[in-house]
C-alpha cells in the first residue's frame, strides 16, 4: 500500500520525527512556526505534541501503523496551521504572516494527500475529504499558498539574500529567482500547466534550500535550537510538497487496486 508513496513517505516521517524530538528535548513547541501562547500546562501540552509527532512519524515507517499515523497527523497538521490564523486576522497587511501560514498550509497539503491515500476512510462520514473532489481542493489549496511564499522572497529580498550561501554570486538575484520559482509553481498547479512538473520542481527547490542553507548552519552551530528547528520544518515542507507531486494526476479511485497489487 505504501510503495506508491516512496520515497517521499520516509522523508515526511523524518520531518515529523525531528520536531517531535526537539519538542521533547526543550519542552516547547517549534518556535515561530508553532506560536502557541502562554497558558497553564503549556509545557505538558508541548510534550504531548512532541510525542504525537514522534510516534506519528515513526508510525509512517511501518505498514501495520501507517494508516493510524496518517489519521492522527492530518488533524494535528490542521491544528498547527490554525495557530497561524489569528495573525492573518490581526495583521493582514504584513506579508510575513501570509508566508508563515503558507509554509504550514503546504505541509498540511502533504498530510492531506497522505490521509487520502493511506488513511482508509472511504465510506466514512469524512470520506468526502479523500474523494476526487476533496483531493482537487487539496491541490488548489496547495497551489494558492505557494504564491505568498514566493512573494515573501520579493518583499523581504534582503533577508532572503542573507540566507543564500555566501559562495554563490548575485545573492539578491537568487532571492528574486527563487521567489519567482515559488510563484510559477503555484500558478502552474493552480491553472493545470504542467502541474506535476511544477510540484516536483517546488519540492526540489525547497529540498536544495534546506540542505544548502540550514545544513551548513547546523554544522557551524550544532547546539542551536533555531537551526535544527528550521532544518526539520524546511525538510518537512519539502517532503510534503514531494508527496503532493507524487500524487498529482493520480486517480484516487485506483488507490485500493494499486495498494493490493503493491502488497501482493
C-alpha atoms as a PDB file:
ATOM      1  CA  UNK A   1       0.000   0.000   0.000  1.00  0.00           C
ATOM      2  CA  UNK A   2       2.785   2.435   0.852  1.00  0.00           C
ATOM      3  CA  UNK A   3       5.009   1.585  -2.101  1.00  0.00           C
ATOM      4  CA  UNK A   4       3.386   4.217  -4.322  1.00  0.00           C
ATOM      5  CA  UNK A   5       4.276   6.896  -1.731  1.00  0.00           C
ATOM      6  CA  UNK A   6       8.001   6.137  -1.747  1.00  0.00           C
ATOM      7  CA  UNK A   7      10.442   7.794  -1.324  1.00  0.00           C
ATOM      8  CA  UNK A   8       8.583  10.867  -0.058  1.00  0.00           C
ATOM      9  CA  UNK A   9       6.867   8.975   2.767  1.00  0.00           C
ATOM     10  CA  UNK A  10      10.003   8.274   4.858  1.00  0.00           C
ATOM     11  CA  UNK A  11      11.187  11.829   4.174  1.00  0.00           C
ATOM     12  CA  UNK A  12       7.892  13.148   5.548  1.00  0.00           C
ATOM     13  CA  UNK A  13       8.262  10.809   8.531  1.00  0.00           C
ATOM     14  CA  UNK A  14      11.677  12.286   9.304  1.00  0.00           C
ATOM     15  CA  UNK A  15      10.123  15.753   9.044  1.00  0.00           C
ATOM     16  CA  UNK A  16       7.689  14.777  11.807  1.00  0.00           C
ATOM     17  CA  UNK A  17      10.176  12.873  13.975  1.00  0.00           C
ATOM     18  CA  UNK A  18      12.716  15.710  14.070  1.00  0.00           C
ATOM     19  CA  UNK A  19      10.450  18.438  15.534  1.00  0.00           C
ATOM     20  CA  UNK A  20       8.932  15.814  17.838  1.00  0.00           C
ATOM     21  CA  UNK A  21      12.352  15.075  19.319  1.00  0.00           C
ATOM     22  CA  UNK A  22      13.079  18.807  19.657  1.00  0.00           C
ATOM     23  CA  UNK A  23       9.784  19.316  21.492  1.00  0.00           C
ATOM     24  CA  UNK A  24      10.727  16.582  23.966  1.00  0.00           C
ATOM     25  CA  UNK A  25      14.233  17.986  24.448  1.00  0.00           C
ATOM     26  CA  UNK A  26      13.127  21.592  25.030  1.00  0.00           C
ATOM     27  CA  UNK A  27       9.625  21.028  26.416  1.00  0.00           C
ATOM     28  CA  UNK A  28       8.353  23.586  23.939  1.00  0.00           C
ATOM     29  CA  UNK A  29       6.785  23.997  20.513  1.00  0.00           C
ATOM     30  CA  UNK A  30       8.512  24.675  17.209  1.00  0.00           C
ATOM     31  CA  UNK A  31       9.275  28.319  17.964  1.00  0.00           C
ATOM     32  CA  UNK A  32       7.890  30.826  15.400  1.00  0.00           C
ATOM     33  CA  UNK A  33       6.413  28.026  13.292  1.00  0.00           C
ATOM     34  CA  UNK A  34       4.066  26.971  16.089  1.00  0.00           C
ATOM     35  CA  UNK A  35       3.234  30.171  18.024  1.00  0.00           C
ATOM     36  CA  UNK A  36       1.334  28.702  20.979  1.00  0.00           C
ATOM     37  CA  UNK A  37       0.524  31.393  23.576  1.00  0.00           C
ATOM     38  CA  UNK A  38       1.468  31.034  27.217  1.00  0.00           C
ATOM     39  CA  UNK A  39      -1.092  29.182  29.339  1.00  0.00           C
ATOM     40  CA  UNK A  40      -1.168  26.882  32.342  1.00  0.00           C
ATOM     41  CA  UNK A  41       0.108  23.465  31.393  1.00  0.00           C
ATOM     42  CA  UNK A  42       1.756  24.703  28.187  1.00  0.00           C
ATOM     43  CA  UNK A  43       4.868  22.594  28.744  1.00  0.00           C
ATOM     44  CA  UNK A  44       2.802  19.448  29.267  1.00  0.00           C
ATOM     45  CA  UNK A  45       0.910  20.102  26.040  1.00  0.00           C
ATOM     46  CA  UNK A  46       4.222  20.661  24.259  1.00  0.00           C
ATOM     47  CA  UNK A  47       5.415  17.252  25.442  1.00  0.00           C
ATOM     48  CA  UNK A  48       2.179  15.642  24.245  1.00  0.00           C
ATOM     49  CA  UNK A  49       2.620  17.393  20.896  1.00  0.00           C
ATOM     50  CA  UNK A  50       6.175  16.115  20.678  1.00  0.00           C
ATOM     51  CA  UNK A  51       5.090  12.551  21.423  1.00  0.00           C
ATOM     52  CA  UNK A  52       2.363  12.768  18.744  1.00  0.00           C
ATOM     53  CA  UNK A  53       4.820  13.948  16.117  1.00  0.00           C
ATOM     54  CA  UNK A  54       7.473  11.435  17.112  1.00  0.00           C
ATOM     55  CA  UNK A  55       5.141   8.439  17.216  1.00  0.00           C
ATOM     56  CA  UNK A  56       3.216   9.636  14.176  1.00  0.00           C
ATOM     57  CA  UNK A  57       6.416   9.942  12.191  1.00  0.00           C
ATOM     58  CA  UNK A  58       7.723   6.558  13.312  1.00  0.00           C
ATOM     59  CA  UNK A  59       4.331   5.019  12.536  1.00  0.00           C
ATOM     60  CA  UNK A  60       4.596   6.175   8.928  1.00  0.00           C
ATOM     61  CA  UNK A  61       7.641   3.957   8.506  1.00  0.00           C
ATOM     62  CA  UNK A  62       5.819   0.677   9.183  1.00  0.00           C
ATOM     63  CA  UNK A  63       2.926  -0.834   7.221  1.00  0.00           C
ATOM     64  CA  UNK A  64       0.895  -2.001  10.267  1.00  0.00           C
ATOM     65  CA  UNK A  65       0.797   1.525  11.724  1.00  0.00           C
ATOM     66  CA  UNK A  66       0.878   3.795   8.665  1.00  0.00           C
ATOM     67  CA  UNK A  67      -2.918   4.048   8.459  1.00  0.00           C
ATOM     68  CA  UNK A  68      -3.294   5.288  12.028  1.00  0.00           C
ATOM     69  CA  UNK A  69      -0.336   7.626  11.730  1.00  0.00           C
ATOM     70  CA  UNK A  70      -1.879   9.264   8.663  1.00  0.00           C
ATOM     71  CA  UNK A  71      -5.174   9.581  10.554  1.00  0.00           C
ATOM     72  CA  UNK A  72      -3.512  11.199  13.573  1.00  0.00           C
ATOM     73  CA  UNK A  73      -1.111  13.527  11.760  1.00  0.00           C
ATOM     74  CA  UNK A  74      -3.687  15.061   9.415  1.00  0.00           C
ATOM     75  CA  UNK A  75      -5.817  16.701  12.143  1.00  0.00           C
ATOM     76  CA  UNK A  76      -2.625  17.567  14.013  1.00  0.00           C
ATOM     77  CA  UNK A  77      -1.351  19.468  10.965  1.00  0.00           C
ATOM     78  CA  UNK A  78      -4.721  21.217  10.649  1.00  0.00           C
ATOM     79  CA  UNK A  79      -4.430  22.397  14.249  1.00  0.00           C
ATOM     80  CA  UNK A  80      -0.839  23.510  13.640  1.00  0.00           C
ATOM     81  CA  UNK A  81      -1.880  25.609  10.635  1.00  0.00           C
ATOM     82  CA  UNK A  82      -4.855  27.093  12.515  1.00  0.00           C
ATOM     83  CA  UNK A  83      -2.446  28.556  15.071  1.00  0.00           C
ATOM     84  CA  UNK A  84      -1.345  30.968  12.334  1.00  0.00           C
ATOM     85  CA  UNK A  85      -4.877  32.165  11.515  1.00  0.00           C
ATOM     86  CA  UNK A  86      -5.072  34.798  14.313  1.00  0.00           C
ATOM     87  CA  UNK A  87      -2.002  36.512  12.868  1.00  0.00           C
ATOM     88  CA  UNK A  88      -3.737  36.734   9.481  1.00  0.00           C
ATOM     89  CA  UNK A  89      -6.685  38.455  11.149  1.00  0.00           C
ATOM     90  CA  UNK A  90      -4.629  40.803  13.307  1.00  0.00           C
ATOM     91  CA  UNK A  91      -2.037  41.821  10.709  1.00  0.00           C
ATOM     92  CA  UNK A  92      -3.387  41.047   7.215  1.00  0.00           C
ATOM     93  CA  UNK A  93      -1.198  43.730   5.676  1.00  0.00           C
ATOM     94  CA  UNK A  94       2.017  42.048   6.786  1.00  0.00           C
ATOM     95  CA  UNK A  95       3.346  39.636   4.154  1.00  0.00           C
ATOM     96  CA  UNK A  96       5.304  37.686   6.758  1.00  0.00           C
ATOM     97  CA  UNK A  97       2.124  36.291   8.331  1.00  0.00           C
ATOM     98  CA  UNK A  98       0.953  35.051   4.914  1.00  0.00           C
ATOM     99  CA  UNK A  99       4.344  33.405   4.479  1.00  0.00           C
ATOM    100  CA  UNK A 100       4.025  31.721   7.887  1.00  0.00           C
ATOM    101  CA  UNK A 101       0.596  30.324   7.130  1.00  0.00           C
ATOM    102  CA  UNK A 102       1.647  29.410   3.584  1.00  0.00           C
ATOM    103  CA  UNK A 103       4.507  27.229   4.808  1.00  0.00           C
ATOM    104  CA  UNK A 104       2.239  25.294   7.134  1.00  0.00           C
ATOM    105  CA  UNK A 105      -0.528  25.131   4.515  1.00  0.00           C
ATOM    106  CA  UNK A 106       1.872  23.454   2.085  1.00  0.00           C
ATOM    107  CA  UNK A 107       2.899  20.999   4.797  1.00  0.00           C
ATOM    108  CA  UNK A 108      -0.775  20.370   5.563  1.00  0.00           C
ATOM    109  CA  UNK A 109      -1.458  19.627   1.890  1.00  0.00           C
ATOM    110  CA  UNK A 110       1.115  16.848   2.027  1.00  0.00           C
ATOM    111  CA  UNK A 111      -0.560  15.421   5.122  1.00  0.00           C
ATOM    112  CA  UNK A 112      -3.929  15.708   3.374  1.00  0.00           C
ATOM    113  CA  UNK A 113      -2.762  13.581   0.451  1.00  0.00           C
ATOM    114  CA  UNK A 114      -1.242  11.018   2.826  1.00  0.00           C
ATOM    115  CA  UNK A 115      -4.512  10.871   4.743  1.00  0.00           C
ATOM    116  CA  UNK A 116      -6.394  10.310   1.496  1.00  0.00           C
ATOM    117  CA  UNK A 117      -4.031   7.678   0.168  1.00  0.00           C
ATOM    118  CA  UNK A 118      -3.216   5.787   3.357  1.00  0.00           C
ATOM    119  CA  UNK A 119      -5.915   6.639   5.921  1.00  0.00           C
ATOM    120  CA  UNK A 120      -8.533   4.245   4.512  1.00  0.00           C
ATOM    121  CA  UNK A 121     -11.595   6.319   5.417  1.00  0.00           C
ATOM    122  CA  UNK A 122     -13.639   5.676   2.269  1.00  0.00           C
ATOM    123  CA  UNK A 123     -17.306   5.306   3.122  1.00  0.00           C
ATOM    124  CA  UNK A 124     -16.960   7.064   6.481  1.00  0.00           C
ATOM    125  CA  UNK A 125     -18.659  10.397   7.331  1.00  0.00           C
ATOM    126  CA  UNK A 126     -15.412  12.204   6.446  1.00  0.00           C
ATOM    127  CA  UNK A 127     -14.807  10.238   3.272  1.00  0.00           C
ATOM    128  CA  UNK A 128     -15.577  13.300   1.147  1.00  0.00           C
ATOM    129  CA  UNK A 129     -12.242  14.790   2.289  1.00  0.00           C
ATOM    130  CA  UNK A 130     -10.410  11.995   0.496  1.00  0.00           C
ATOM    131  CA  UNK A 131     -12.643  11.851  -2.592  1.00  0.00           C
ATOM    132  CA  UNK A 132     -11.575  13.099  -6.025  1.00  0.00           C
ATOM    133  CA  UNK A 133     -13.246  16.436  -5.270  1.00  0.00           C
ATOM    134  CA  UNK A 134     -11.523  16.563  -1.895  1.00  0.00           C
ATOM    135  CA  UNK A 135      -8.101  15.987  -3.440  1.00  0.00           C
ATOM    136  CA  UNK A 136      -8.861  18.550  -6.136  1.00  0.00           C
ATOM    137  CA  UNK A 137      -9.493  21.049  -3.326  1.00  0.00           C
ATOM    138  CA  UNK A 138      -6.249  19.949  -1.633  1.00  0.00           C
ATOM    139  CA  UNK A 139      -4.313  20.569  -4.850  1.00  0.00           C
ATOM    140  CA  UNK A 140      -5.781  24.056  -5.280  1.00  0.00           C
ATOM    141  CA  UNK A 141      -5.227  24.848  -1.595  1.00  0.00           C
ATOM    142  CA  UNK A 142      -1.602  23.812  -2.033  1.00  0.00           C
ATOM    143  CA  UNK A 143      -1.194  25.904  -5.187  1.00  0.00           C
ATOM    144  CA  UNK A 144      -2.669  29.088  -3.735  1.00  0.00           C
ATOM    145  CA  UNK A 145      -0.394  29.076  -0.705  1.00  0.00           C
ATOM    146  CA  UNK A 146       2.783  28.676  -2.732  1.00  0.00           C
ATOM    147  CA  UNK A 147       2.230  32.200  -4.040  1.00  0.00           C
ATOM    148  CA  UNK A 148       2.726  34.129  -0.739  1.00  0.00           C
ATOM    149  CA  UNK A 149       5.815  32.011  -0.097  1.00  0.00           C
ATOM    150  CA  UNK A 150       7.236  33.308  -3.361  1.00  0.00           C
ATOM    151  CA  UNK A 151       6.131  36.872  -2.692  1.00  0.00           C
ATOM    152  CA  UNK A 152       7.991  36.834   0.621  1.00  0.00           C
ATOM    153  CA  UNK A 153      11.285  36.462  -1.271  1.00  0.00           C
ATOM    154  CA  UNK A 154      10.470  39.667  -3.125  1.00  0.00           C
ATOM    155  CA  UNK A 155       9.045  41.624  -0.178  1.00  0.00           C
ATOM    156  CA  UNK A 156      11.963  40.595   2.027  1.00  0.00           C
ATOM    157  CA  UNK A 157      14.675  40.332  -0.581  1.00  0.00           C
ATOM    158  CA  UNK A 158      17.497  41.426   1.750  1.00  0.00           C
ATOM    159  CA  UNK A 159      16.531  38.906   4.423  1.00  0.00           C
ATOM    160  CA  UNK A 160      16.198  36.165   1.807  1.00  0.00           C
ATOM    161  CA  UNK A 161      19.515  37.077   0.180  1.00  0.00           C
ATOM    162  CA  UNK A 162      21.199  36.849   3.582  1.00  0.00           C
ATOM    163  CA  UNK A 163      20.223  33.164   3.707  1.00  0.00           C
ATOM    164  CA  UNK A 164      21.772  32.434   0.313  1.00  0.00           C
ATOM    165  CA  UNK A 165      25.200  30.766   0.779  1.00  0.00           C
ATOM    166  CA  UNK A 166      27.972  33.349   0.599  1.00  0.00           C
ATOM    167  CA  UNK A 167      29.855  31.401  -2.069  1.00  0.00           C
ATOM    168  CA  UNK A 168      27.024  31.938  -4.565  1.00  0.00           C
ATOM    169  CA  UNK A 169      27.290  35.142  -6.634  1.00  0.00           C
ATOM    170  CA  UNK A 170      24.406  37.624  -7.041  1.00  0.00           C
ATOM    171  CA  UNK A 171      22.682  36.643  -3.825  1.00  0.00           C
ATOM    172  CA  UNK A 172      19.790  39.082  -4.331  1.00  0.00           C
ATOM    173  CA  UNK A 173      19.322  37.647  -7.800  1.00  0.00           C
ATOM    174  CA  UNK A 174      18.883  34.184  -6.269  1.00  0.00           C
ATOM    175  CA  UNK A 175      16.305  35.616  -3.879  1.00  0.00           C
ATOM    176  CA  UNK A 176      14.261  37.030  -6.770  1.00  0.00           C
ATOM    177  CA  UNK A 177      14.726  33.867  -8.840  1.00  0.00           C
ATOM    178  CA  UNK A 178      13.549  31.500  -6.113  1.00  0.00           C
ATOM    179  CA  UNK A 179      10.622  33.801  -5.324  1.00  0.00           C
ATOM    180  CA  UNK A 180       9.595  33.710  -8.967  1.00  0.00           C
ATOM    181  CA  UNK A 181      10.038  29.930  -8.900  1.00  0.00           C
ATOM    182  CA  UNK A 182       7.601  29.524  -5.997  1.00  0.00           C
ATOM    183  CA  UNK A 183       5.047  31.748  -7.714  1.00  0.00           C
ATOM    184  CA  UNK A 184       5.442  29.949 -11.042  1.00  0.00           C
ATOM    185  CA  UNK A 185       4.983  26.564  -9.363  1.00  0.00           C
ATOM    186  CA  UNK A 186       1.857  27.808  -7.606  1.00  0.00           C
ATOM    187  CA  UNK A 187       0.366  29.213 -10.801  1.00  0.00           C
ATOM    188  CA  UNK A 188       1.268  26.072 -12.709  1.00  0.00           C
ATOM    189  CA  UNK A 189      -0.559  23.942 -10.154  1.00  0.00           C
ATOM    190  CA  UNK A 190      -3.470  26.364  -9.937  1.00  0.00           C
ATOM    191  CA  UNK A 191      -4.129  26.515 -13.679  1.00  0.00           C
ATOM    192  CA  UNK A 192      -3.056  22.988 -14.571  1.00  0.00           C
ATOM    193  CA  UNK A 193       0.038  23.975 -16.561  1.00  0.00           C
ATOM    194  CA  UNK A 194       2.441  21.037 -16.181  1.00  0.00           C
ATOM    195  CA  UNK A 195       1.255  20.633 -12.563  1.00  0.00           C
ATOM    196  CA  UNK A 196       3.305  17.518 -11.809  1.00  0.00           C
ATOM    197  CA  UNK A 197       6.494  19.129 -13.088  1.00  0.00           C
ATOM    198  CA  UNK A 198       5.671  22.295 -11.141  1.00  0.00           C
ATOM    199  CA  UNK A 199       5.216  20.354  -7.913  1.00  0.00           C
ATOM    200  CA  UNK A 200       8.396  18.326  -8.347  1.00  0.00           C
ATOM    201  CA  UNK A 201      10.350  21.495  -9.159  1.00  0.00           C
ATOM    202  CA  UNK A 202       8.970  23.108  -5.994  1.00  0.00           C
ATOM    203  CA  UNK A 203       9.966  20.081  -3.907  1.00  0.00           C
ATOM    204  CA  UNK A 204      13.468  20.124  -5.382  1.00  0.00           C
ATOM    205  CA  UNK A 205      13.875  23.850  -4.757  1.00  0.00           C
ATOM    206  CA  UNK A 206      12.842  23.628  -1.112  1.00  0.00           C
ATOM    207  CA  UNK A 207      14.946  20.494  -0.642  1.00  0.00           C
ATOM    208  CA  UNK A 208      18.056  22.167  -2.029  1.00  0.00           C
ATOM    209  CA  UNK A 209      17.339  25.247   0.102  1.00  0.00           C
ATOM    210  CA  UNK A 210      17.107  23.032   3.202  1.00  0.00           C
ATOM    211  CA  UNK A 211      20.447  21.367   2.564  1.00  0.00           C
ATOM    212  CA  UNK A 212      22.388  24.414   1.361  1.00  0.00           C
ATOM    213  CA  UNK A 213      21.127  26.902   3.948  1.00  0.00           C
ATOM    214  CA  UNK A 214      20.337  25.025   7.149  1.00  0.00           C
ATOM    215  CA  UNK A 215      22.796  22.157   6.756  1.00  0.00           C
ATOM    216  CA  UNK A 216      25.873  24.413   6.986  1.00  0.00           C
ATOM    217  CA  UNK A 217      24.290  26.430   9.797  1.00  0.00           C
ATOM    218  CA  UNK A 218      23.846  23.247  11.834  1.00  0.00           C
ATOM    219  CA  UNK A 219      27.461  22.278  11.102  1.00  0.00           C
ATOM    220  CA  UNK A 220      28.607  25.713  12.299  1.00  0.00           C
ATOM    221  CA  UNK A 221      26.324  25.821  15.371  1.00  0.00           C
ATOM    222  CA  UNK A 222      25.282  22.246  16.182  1.00  0.00           C
ATOM    223  CA  UNK A 223      23.702  23.259  19.503  1.00  0.00           C
ATOM    224  CA  UNK A 224      21.443  25.943  18.023  1.00  0.00           C
ATOM    225  CA  UNK A 225      17.792  25.099  18.574  1.00  0.00           C
ATOM    226  CA  UNK A 226      16.719  27.565  15.863  1.00  0.00           C
ATOM    227  CA  UNK A 227      18.903  25.946  13.224  1.00  0.00           C
ATOM    228  CA  UNK A 228      17.642  22.436  13.978  1.00  0.00           C
ATOM    229  CA  UNK A 229      14.031  23.631  14.084  1.00  0.00           C
ATOM    230  CA  UNK A 230      14.367  25.474  10.783  1.00  0.00           C
ATOM    231  CA  UNK A 231      16.088  22.470   9.190  1.00  0.00           C
ATOM    232  CA  UNK A 232      13.377  19.990  10.153  1.00  0.00           C
ATOM    233  CA  UNK A 233      10.487  22.312   9.301  1.00  0.00           C
ATOM    234  CA  UNK A 234      12.017  23.080   5.909  1.00  0.00           C
ATOM    235  CA  UNK A 235      12.673  19.354   5.414  1.00  0.00           C
ATOM    236  CA  UNK A 236       9.071  18.509   6.314  1.00  0.00           C
ATOM    237  CA  UNK A 237       7.707  21.143   3.927  1.00  0.00           C
ATOM    238  CA  UNK A 238       9.878  19.801   1.092  1.00  0.00           C
ATOM    239  CA  UNK A 239       8.671  16.265   1.847  1.00  0.00           C
ATOM    240  CA  UNK A 240       5.053  17.454   1.940  1.00  0.00           C
ATOM    241  CA  UNK A 241       5.465  19.043  -1.488  1.00  0.00           C
ATOM    242  CA  UNK A 242       7.098  15.842  -2.725  1.00  0.00           C
ATOM    243  CA  UNK A 243       4.068  13.829  -1.604  1.00  0.00           C
ATOM    244  CA  UNK A 244       1.745  16.190  -3.458  1.00  0.00           C
ATOM    245  CA  UNK A 245       3.938  15.916  -6.566  1.00  0.00           C
ATOM    246  CA  UNK A 246       3.842  12.115  -6.465  1.00  0.00           C
ATOM    247  CA  UNK A 247       0.051  12.131  -6.334  1.00  0.00           C
ATOM    248  CA  UNK A 248      -0.835  14.911  -8.755  1.00  0.00           C
ATOM    249  CA  UNK A 249      -2.798  13.370 -11.591  1.00  0.00           C
ATOM    250  CA  UNK A 250      -3.232  10.023  -9.830  1.00  0.00           C
ATOM    251  CA  UNK A 251      -6.809   8.803  -9.696  1.00  0.00           C
ATOM    252  CA  UNK A 252      -7.901   8.249  -6.112  1.00  0.00           C
ATOM    253  CA  UNK A 253     -10.323   5.557  -7.218  1.00  0.00           C
ATOM    254  CA  UNK A 254      -7.376   3.444  -8.345  1.00  0.00           C
ATOM    255  CA  UNK A 255      -5.705   3.574  -4.939  1.00  0.00           C
ATOM    256  CA  UNK A 256      -7.140   0.406  -3.468  1.00  0.00           C
ATOM    257  CA  UNK A 257      -6.346  -1.679  -6.518  1.00  0.00           C
ATOM    258  CA  UNK A 258      -2.839  -0.255  -6.645  1.00  0.00           C
ATOM    259  CA  UNK A 259      -2.408  -0.945  -2.926  1.00  0.00           C
ATOM    260  CA  UNK A 260      -3.466  -4.559  -3.328  1.00  0.00           C
ATOM    261  CA  UNK A 261      -1.077  -5.005  -6.242  1.00  0.00           C
ATOM    262  CA  UNK A 262       1.808  -3.444  -4.290  1.00  0.00           C
ATOM    263  CA  UNK A 263       1.170  -5.587  -1.239  1.00  0.00           C
ATOM    264  CA  UNK A 264       0.702  -8.817  -3.176  1.00  0.00           C
END
